[in-house]
Amino acid sequence: MVSEGKPAPTFTLTSDTGERVSLESFRGKPVVLYFYPKDDTPGCTAQACGIRDVWAELQDKGAVVLGVSPDSPRTHAKFREKHGLPFTLLSDEEHEVAEQYGTWVEKSTYGKTRMGIERSTFVIDADGNLAKMMRKVKPAEHADDVLAALP
């Protein structure tokens, strides 16, 4: 199980451009790793656009932003282009990384139980340790919470 102050689980996933992206390649910079359920849905769009709208402030803090969902790289590319997202989206189709971070959880919708992504964010410090974990993130408040969590 992940916890603050401990090393962040490392991974390599395929991005919206088809490149393989490794968490370790960002060592030396703070990383905002956020998990979201599905591209181009209302809550996920609000969350992504909130980050887009504070992009300059995130850049001032030297942060790298990585969004992760089970959607395909192709779907990510459409989502990113449609909303002008300046950060990388990663495809976790087998939800292996989501499981490592504890964000692949049982969810209940309209009385039906299924597995899915719990909207969560992890701020990883320049040394690769989990500096802050945010679970059950509210899309409208997400960008402000991320800015507050970064040094």
Protein backbone atom coordinates (compact mmCIF):
# COMPACT_ATOMS: atom_id res chain seq x y z
CA MET A 1 0.00 0.00 0.00
CA VAL A 2 1.24 3.48 -0.81
CA SER A 3 1.77 6.04 1.92
CA GLU A 4 3.13 9.54 2.27
CA GLY A 5 6.86 9.77 2.82
CA LYS A 6 7.53 6.43 1.12
CA PRO A 7 8.91 5.91 -2.40
CA ALA A 8 6.28 6.21 -5.13
CA PRO A 9 5.73 3.00 -7.09
CA THR A 10 7.53 3.29 -10.41
CA PHE A 11 5.98 2.45 -13.75
CA THR A 12 6.17 2.86 -17.50
CA LEU A 13 3.00 3.47 -19.53
CA THR A 14 2.07 4.50 -23.07
CA SER A 15 1.21 8.17 -23.55
CA ASP A 16 -1.35 9.93 -25.73
CA THR A 17 1.43 10.32 -28.37
CA GLY A 18 2.26 6.60 -28.32
CA GLU A 19 5.56 7.10 -26.46
CA ARG A 20 6.52 4.99 -23.46
CA VAL A 21 6.78 7.24 -20.39
CA SER A 22 8.54 6.22 -17.20
CA LEU A 23 7.94 7.91 -13.84
CA GLU A 24 11.66 7.59 -13.10
CA SER A 25 12.49 9.85 -16.07
CA PHE A 26 11.11 12.81 -14.10
CA ARG A 27 13.38 12.36 -11.06
CA GLY A 28 14.59 15.78 -9.94
CA LYS A 29 11.19 17.42 -10.53
CA PRO A 30 7.95 17.29 -8.58
CA VAL A 31 5.32 15.16 -10.32
CA VAL A 32 1.55 15.51 -10.05
CA LEU A 33 0.17 12.06 -10.85
CA TYR A 34 -3.59 12.06 -11.09
CA PHE A 35 -5.94 9.17 -11.76
CA TYR A 36 -9.32 9.80 -13.37
CA PRO A 37 -12.08 7.45 -14.56
CA LYS A 38 -12.73 8.32 -18.23
CA ASP A 39 -11.78 10.77 -20.95
CA ASP A 40 -14.26 13.44 -22.00
CA THR A 41 -16.82 12.87 -19.26
CA PRO A 42 -18.11 15.87 -17.29
CA GLY A 43 -16.13 15.41 -14.06
CA CYS A 44 -12.93 14.31 -15.80
CA THR A 45 -13.14 17.19 -18.27
CA ALA A 46 -13.63 19.70 -15.43
CA GLN A 47 -10.66 18.21 -13.59
CA ALA A 48 -8.35 18.26 -16.63
CA CYS A 49 -9.39 21.75 -17.70
CA GLY A 50 -8.82 23.00 -14.15
CA ILE A 51 -5.21 21.83 -14.39
CA ARG A 52 -4.92 23.38 -17.85
CA ASP A 53 -6.16 26.69 -16.47
CA VAL A 54 -3.43 26.84 -13.78
CA TRP A 55 -0.73 25.47 -16.08
CA ALA A 56 1.49 28.58 -15.83
CA GLU A 57 1.49 28.35 -12.02
CA LEU A 58 2.34 24.64 -12.16
CA GLN A 59 5.19 25.39 -14.55
CA ASP A 60 6.46 28.11 -12.18
CA LYS A 61 6.69 25.41 -9.50
CA GLY A 62 8.60 23.14 -11.91
CA ALA A 63 5.90 20.46 -11.77
CA VAL A 64 5.30 17.70 -14.29
CA VAL A 65 1.65 16.63 -14.62
CA LEU A 66 0.65 13.11 -15.66
CA GLY A 67 -3.00 12.11 -16.01
CA VAL A 68 -3.76 8.37 -15.89
CA SER A 69 -6.92 6.49 -16.86
CA PRO A 70 -7.79 3.09 -18.37
CA ASP A 71 -8.60 4.76 -21.73
CA SER A 72 -6.52 4.02 -24.83
CA PRO A 73 -3.74 6.29 -26.11
CA ARG A 74 -5.97 7.15 -29.11
CA THR A 75 -8.85 8.25 -26.86
CA HIS A 76 -6.38 10.24 -24.73
CA ALA A 77 -5.06 12.02 -27.84
CA LYS A 78 -8.59 13.10 -28.85
CA PHE A 79 -9.36 14.28 -25.29
CA ARG A 80 -6.11 16.21 -25.04
CA GLU A 81 -6.57 17.89 -28.43
CA LYS A 82 -10.26 18.72 -27.89
CA HIS A 83 -9.57 20.55 -24.62
CA GLY A 84 -6.08 21.92 -25.32
CA LEU A 85 -4.48 20.01 -22.45
CA PRO A 86 -0.77 20.90 -22.11
CA PHE A 87 0.19 17.81 -20.10
CA THR A 88 0.69 14.11 -20.81
CA LEU A 89 -2.08 11.54 -20.50
CA LEU A 90 -1.08 7.94 -19.84
CA SER A 91 -2.98 4.78 -20.69
CA ASP A 92 -3.35 2.19 -17.93
CA GLU A 93 -5.69 -0.15 -19.82
CA GLU A 94 -4.90 -3.13 -17.58
CA HIS A 95 -5.15 -0.88 -14.48
CA GLU A 96 -1.84 -2.23 -13.16
CA VAL A 97 -0.58 1.20 -12.05
CA ALA A 98 -3.98 2.09 -10.59
CA GLU A 99 -3.77 -1.09 -8.52
CA GLN A 100 -0.25 -0.19 -7.34
CA TYR A 101 -1.52 3.19 -6.13
CA GLY A 102 -4.73 1.77 -4.66
CA THR A 103 -7.02 3.70 -7.00
CA TRP A 104 -8.60 0.66 -8.70
CA VAL A 105 -11.52 0.13 -6.33
CA GLU A 106 -14.98 -1.33 -6.08
CA LYS A 107 -17.59 1.28 -6.96
CA SER A 108 -21.34 1.24 -6.65
CA THR A 109 -23.53 3.05 -9.18
CA TYR A 110 -27.31 2.79 -9.22
CA GLY A 111 -27.13 -0.32 -7.06
CA LYS A 112 -24.64 -2.09 -9.32
CA THR A 113 -21.13 -2.88 -8.15
CA ARG A 114 -18.17 -2.73 -10.50
CA MET A 115 -14.45 -2.00 -10.43
CA GLY A 116 -13.20 1.43 -11.49
CA ILE A 117 -10.88 4.34 -10.83
CA GLU A 118 -11.19 6.33 -7.63
CA ARG A 119 -10.38 9.91 -8.61
CA SER A 120 -7.09 10.42 -6.75
CA THR A 121 -3.94 12.54 -6.97
CA PHE A 122 -0.42 11.91 -5.76
CA VAL A 123 2.24 14.60 -5.49
CA ILE A 124 5.65 12.99 -5.83
CA ASP A 125 8.67 15.00 -4.72
CA ALA A 126 11.88 15.45 -6.70
CA ASP A 127 13.42 12.48 -4.88
CA GLY A 128 10.62 10.12 -5.95
CA ASN A 129 8.77 9.99 -2.61
CA LEU A 130 5.05 10.49 -2.10
CA ALA A 131 4.75 13.96 -0.61
CA LYS A 132 0.94 14.17 -0.65
CA MET A 133 -1.96 11.81 -1.37
CA MET A 134 -5.43 13.11 -2.19
CA ARG A 135 -8.26 10.57 -2.40
CA LYS A 136 -11.80 11.03 -3.70
CA VAL A 137 -10.82 14.29 -5.35
CA LYS A 138 -13.52 16.81 -6.25
CA PRO A 139 -12.94 17.98 -9.86
CA ALA A 140 -13.85 21.63 -9.20
CA GLU A 141 -11.34 21.95 -6.33
CA HIS A 142 -8.60 19.75 -7.78
CA ALA A 143 -6.35 22.39 -9.38
CA ASP A 144 -6.30 24.56 -6.24
CA ASP A 145 -5.57 21.51 -4.07
CA VAL A 146 -2.67 20.52 -6.35
CA LEU A 147 -1.17 24.02 -6.25
CA ALA A 148 -1.42 24.07 -2.46
CA ALA A 149 0.32 20.68 -2.22
CA LEU A 150 3.35 21.72 -4.26
CA PRO A 151 6.30 23.45 -2.56
